Amino acid sequence: MANHKSALKRVRQTKKRTERNRYFRTRMKNIIKSVKEAVESGDKAAAVEALKVANKRIHEYVSKGIIKKNNAARKVSKLHKLVNSMTEAA
C-alpha cells in the first residue's frame, strides 16, 4: 500500500476515474446494443434514430476523455455500415 501523501492521492484519483469510466463504457455498450437490436428487428426508422443517439453519445464520451477519437470514429463507422447495409437489403 502507498505511504506517501501524493501516492495516496493518486490511488484515490485512480479509483474515482475507474468507476467513472466503467459507468460510461457500460452506457456506450448499451447504446451500441440498442442500434444492433433495431437493425436485427428490421425497423429502419428505429435503427436510424438509435444511430443518431449513438453518434452523439459516443462523441460526447470523446470530449469527456472516456475513449479516444479514433476509437469513437471506428465504432460510429461500424454502426453506420450496419445500418446502411440494412437499408440496402430492405
C-alpha atoms as a PDB file:
ATOM      1  CA  MET A   1       0.000   0.000   0.000  1.00  0.00           C
ATOM      2  CA  ALA A   2       1.113   3.541  -0.738  1.00  0.00           C
ATOM      3  CA  ASN A   3       2.616   5.508   2.140  1.00  0.00           C
ATOM      4  CA  HIS A   4       3.368   8.903   0.622  1.00  0.00           C
ATOM      5  CA  LYS A   5       0.728  11.592   0.567  1.00  0.00           C
ATOM      6  CA  SER A   6       0.950  12.018  -3.224  1.00  0.00           C
ATOM      7  CA  ALA A   7       0.726   8.257  -3.790  1.00  0.00           C
ATOM      8  CA  LEU A   8      -2.369   8.017  -1.589  1.00  0.00           C
ATOM      9  CA  LYS A   9      -3.978  10.836  -3.579  1.00  0.00           C
ATOM     10  CA  ARG A  10      -3.072   9.042  -6.805  1.00  0.00           C
ATOM     11  CA  VAL A  11      -4.819   5.882  -5.546  1.00  0.00           C
ATOM     12  CA  ARG A  12      -7.964   7.877  -4.721  1.00  0.00           C
ATOM     13  CA  GLN A  13      -7.980   9.577  -8.130  1.00  0.00           C
ATOM     14  CA  THR A  14      -7.445   6.323  -9.992  1.00  0.00           C
ATOM     15  CA  LYS A  15     -10.301   4.653  -8.136  1.00  0.00           C
ATOM     16  CA  LYS A  16     -12.638   7.563  -8.876  1.00  0.00           C
ATOM     17  CA  ARG A  17     -11.701   7.663 -12.577  1.00  0.00           C
ATOM     18  CA  THR A  18     -12.037   3.896 -12.931  1.00  0.00           C
ATOM     19  CA  GLU A  19     -15.590   3.956 -11.566  1.00  0.00           C
ATOM     20  CA  ARG A  20     -16.495   6.890 -13.815  1.00  0.00           C
ATOM     21  CA  ASN A  21     -15.028   5.274 -16.929  1.00  0.00           C
ATOM     22  CA  ARG A  22     -16.732   1.959 -16.181  1.00  0.00           C
ATOM     23  CA  TYR A  23     -20.091   3.731 -15.923  1.00  0.00           C
ATOM     24  CA  PHE A  24     -19.700   5.490 -19.281  1.00  0.00           C
ATOM     25  CA  ARG A  25     -18.285   2.441 -21.074  1.00  0.00           C
ATOM     26  CA  THR A  26     -21.264   0.368 -19.908  1.00  0.00           C
ATOM     27  CA  ARG A  27     -23.634   3.058 -21.205  1.00  0.00           C
ATOM     28  CA  MET A  28     -21.786   3.061 -24.516  1.00  0.00           C
ATOM     29  CA  LYS A  29     -22.126  -0.720 -24.848  1.00  0.00           C
ATOM     30  CA  ASN A  30     -25.869  -0.462 -24.177  1.00  0.00           C
ATOM     31  CA  ILE A  31     -26.264   2.299 -26.768  1.00  0.00           C
ATOM     32  CA  ILE A  32     -24.433   0.214 -29.370  1.00  0.00           C
ATOM     33  CA  LYS A  33     -26.560  -2.794 -28.443  1.00  0.00           C
ATOM     34  CA  SER A  34     -29.748  -0.775 -28.995  1.00  0.00           C
ATOM     35  CA  VAL A  35     -28.624   0.078 -32.553  1.00  0.00           C
ATOM     36  CA  LYS A  36     -27.826  -3.575 -33.277  1.00  0.00           C
ATOM     37  CA  GLU A  37     -31.181  -4.713 -31.888  1.00  0.00           C
ATOM     38  CA  ALA A  38     -33.030  -2.165 -34.042  1.00  0.00           C
ATOM     39  CA  VAL A  39     -31.191  -3.446 -37.115  1.00  0.00           C
ATOM     40  CA  GLU A  40     -31.964  -7.076 -36.247  1.00  0.00           C
ATOM     41  CA  SER A  41     -35.650  -6.272 -35.808  1.00  0.00           C
ATOM     42  CA  GLY A  42     -35.660  -4.767 -39.303  1.00  0.00           C
ATOM     43  CA  ASP A  43     -37.104  -1.426 -38.215  1.00  0.00           C
ATOM     44  CA  LYS A  44     -35.281   1.120 -40.380  1.00  0.00           C
ATOM     45  CA  ALA A  45     -36.682   4.205 -38.635  1.00  0.00           C
ATOM     46  CA  ALA A  46     -35.773   2.926 -35.174  1.00  0.00           C
ATOM     47  CA  ALA A  47     -32.285   1.969 -36.358  1.00  0.00           C
ATOM     48  CA  VAL A  48     -31.649   5.430 -37.812  1.00  0.00           C
ATOM     49  CA  GLU A  49     -32.929   7.097 -34.642  1.00  0.00           C
ATOM     50  CA  ALA A  50     -30.778   4.847 -32.433  1.00  0.00           C
ATOM     51  CA  LEU A  51     -27.802   5.599 -34.675  1.00  0.00           C
ATOM     52  CA  LYS A  52     -28.265   9.347 -34.199  1.00  0.00           C
ATOM     53  CA  VAL A  53     -28.306   8.910 -30.425  1.00  0.00           C
ATOM     54  CA  ALA A  54     -25.277   6.607 -30.536  1.00  0.00           C
ATOM     55  CA  ASN A  55     -23.295   9.020 -32.690  1.00  0.00           C
ATOM     56  CA  LYS A  56     -23.995  11.920 -30.338  1.00  0.00           C
ATOM     57  CA  ARG A  57     -23.257   9.988 -27.146  1.00  0.00           C
ATOM     58  CA  ILE A  58     -20.075   8.341 -28.406  1.00  0.00           C
ATOM     59  CA  HIS A  59     -18.643  11.693 -29.463  1.00  0.00           C
ATOM     60  CA  GLU A  60     -19.641  13.132 -26.081  1.00  0.00           C
ATOM     61  CA  TYR A  61     -17.525  10.447 -24.448  1.00  0.00           C
ATOM     62  CA  VAL A  62     -14.566  11.552 -26.568  1.00  0.00           C
ATOM     63  CA  SER A  63     -14.866  15.077 -25.205  1.00  0.00           C
ATOM     64  CA  LYS A  64     -15.077  13.681 -21.658  1.00  0.00           C
ATOM     65  CA  GLY A  65     -11.895  11.681 -22.268  1.00  0.00           C
ATOM     66  CA  ILE A  66     -13.532   8.286 -21.806  1.00  0.00           C
ATOM     67  CA  ILE A  67     -12.432   6.973 -25.206  1.00  0.00           C
ATOM     68  CA  LYS A  68     -10.082   8.254 -27.868  1.00  0.00           C
ATOM     69  CA  LYS A  69     -11.142   9.982 -31.063  1.00  0.00           C
ATOM     70  CA  ASN A  70     -10.145   7.186 -33.454  1.00  0.00           C
ATOM     71  CA  ASN A  71     -11.855   4.583 -31.280  1.00  0.00           C
ATOM     72  CA  ALA A  72     -15.084   6.600 -31.435  1.00  0.00           C
ATOM     73  CA  ALA A  73     -14.751   7.071 -35.199  1.00  0.00           C
ATOM     74  CA  ARG A  74     -14.280   3.333 -35.642  1.00  0.00           C
ATOM     75  CA  LYS A  75     -17.344   2.483 -33.537  1.00  0.00           C
ATOM     76  CA  VAL A  76     -19.574   5.030 -35.277  1.00  0.00           C
ATOM     77  CA  SER A  77     -18.343   3.945 -38.707  1.00  0.00           C
ATOM     78  CA  LYS A  78     -19.129   0.322 -37.906  1.00  0.00           C
ATOM     79  CA  LEU A  79     -22.653   1.263 -36.803  1.00  0.00           C
ATOM     80  CA  HIS A  80     -23.232   3.395 -39.924  1.00  0.00           C
ATOM     81  CA  LYS A  81     -22.103   0.490 -42.071  1.00  0.00           C
ATOM     82  CA  LEU A  82     -24.508  -1.834 -40.253  1.00  0.00           C
ATOM     83  CA  VAL A  83     -27.488   0.491 -40.650  1.00  0.00           C
ATOM     84  CA  ASN A  84     -26.680   1.239 -44.308  1.00  0.00           C
ATOM     85  CA  SER A  85     -26.394  -2.446 -45.160  1.00  0.00           C
ATOM     86  CA  MET A  86     -29.835  -2.947 -43.633  1.00  0.00           C
ATOM     87  CA  THR A  87     -31.403  -0.187 -45.738  1.00  0.00           C
ATOM     88  CA  GLU A  88     -29.880  -1.584 -48.949  1.00  0.00           C
ATOM     89  CA  ALA A  89     -31.177  -5.085 -48.219  1.00  0.00           C
ATOM     90  CA  ALA A  90     -34.678  -3.834 -47.407  1.00  0.00           C
END
